[in-house]
Each structure stands twice: as C-alpha cells, then as structure tokens.
C-alpha cells in the first residue's frame, strides 16, 4: 500500500492547491489530494531535490 502524506504547506480552503507526496522505490510521487485517482508526477530523488531547490528560490513563478 502506498502511504501518501500531505504537504505541510497545503492550505485548508477549497480553492487551495493540496499536494501529497509518497516515497516509492527510491523516488518521489506527487499528486493533487483533491484528485487521488488522477495523474501523478514521478521523480527520482535527484530530480525531486532539484525541483525543491528551484521552488524555494522562486524560479518557477509559483
């Protein structure tokens, strides 16, 4: 069974983006908690670490 955990930065309102993460086979899966059966993004550890660095730097316009 996959254990998903919600990001501590996800909001509580209905219009907020809610992101969940799961560690699978040395990688990280990311999904929208409002659509748990929908698509998910899959990253290896290095790619996910790089994504986090870019998000924290504000490079992605999020």
Protein backbone atom coordinates (compact mmCIF):
# COMPACT_ATOMS: atom_id res chain seq x y z
CA UNK A 1 0.00 0.00 0.00
CA UNK A 2 1.24 3.48 -0.89
CA UNK A 3 1.41 5.89 2.04
CA UNK A 4 0.68 9.42 0.90
CA UNK A 5 1.35 12.43 3.12
CA UNK A 6 0.03 15.92 2.62
CA UNK A 7 2.46 18.78 2.36
CA UNK A 8 2.58 20.97 5.45
CA UNK A 9 2.30 23.94 3.05
CA UNK A 10 -1.03 22.81 1.60
CA UNK A 11 -3.87 25.15 2.51
CA UNK A 12 -7.18 24.27 4.08
CA UNK A 13 -9.61 26.08 1.76
CA UNK A 14 -11.49 24.52 -1.12
CA UNK A 15 -9.63 26.56 -3.75
CA UNK A 16 -6.17 25.85 -2.37
CA UNK A 17 -3.70 23.54 -4.03
CA UNK A 18 -3.25 20.43 -1.91
CA UNK A 19 -0.19 18.38 -2.70
CA UNK A 20 0.56 14.89 -1.40
CA UNK A 21 3.86 13.04 -1.61
CA UNK A 22 4.81 9.36 -1.44
CA UNK A 23 8.25 7.75 -1.48
CA UNK A 24 8.25 4.80 -3.88
CA UNK A 25 11.22 2.63 -4.88
CA UNK A 26 13.80 5.35 -4.26
CA UNK A 27 11.72 8.04 -5.96
CA UNK A 28 9.00 10.51 -5.08
CA UNK A 29 5.46 10.62 -6.43
CA UNK A 30 3.41 13.82 -6.26
CA UNK A 31 -0.37 14.10 -6.68
CA UNK A 32 -3.25 16.50 -6.12
CA UNK A 33 -5.04 15.37 -2.96
CA UNK A 34 -8.35 16.56 -4.40
CA UNK A 35 -7.95 14.06 -7.26
CA UNK A 36 -6.28 10.99 -5.70
CA UNK A 37 -7.15 8.76 -8.67
CA UNK A 38 -5.84 11.30 -11.17
CA UNK A 39 -2.43 11.71 -12.70
CA UNK A 40 0.71 11.92 -10.61
CA UNK A 41 4.20 13.17 -11.24
CA UNK A 42 7.09 10.78 -10.67
CA UNK A 43 10.61 11.97 -9.84
CA UNK A 44 13.84 10.23 -8.95
CA UNK A 45 15.47 11.56 -5.76
CA UNK A 46 17.90 13.89 -7.57
CA UNK A 47 15.22 15.42 -9.79
CA UNK A 48 12.88 15.99 -6.82
CA UNK A 49 15.67 17.60 -4.80
CA UNK A 50 16.40 19.89 -7.75
CA UNK A 51 12.71 20.80 -8.03
CA UNK A 52 12.58 21.74 -4.34
CA UNK A 53 15.65 23.97 -4.72
CA UNK A 54 14.06 25.80 -7.67
CA UNK A 55 10.72 26.20 -5.85
CA UNK A 56 12.43 27.59 -2.74
CA UNK A 57 14.38 30.07 -4.89
CA UNK A 58 11.15 31.24 -6.54
CA UNK A 59 12.38 30.31 -10.00
CA UNK A 60 9.15 28.69 -11.19
CA UNK A 61 6.69 31.55 -10.75
CA UNK A 62 4.52 29.63 -8.31
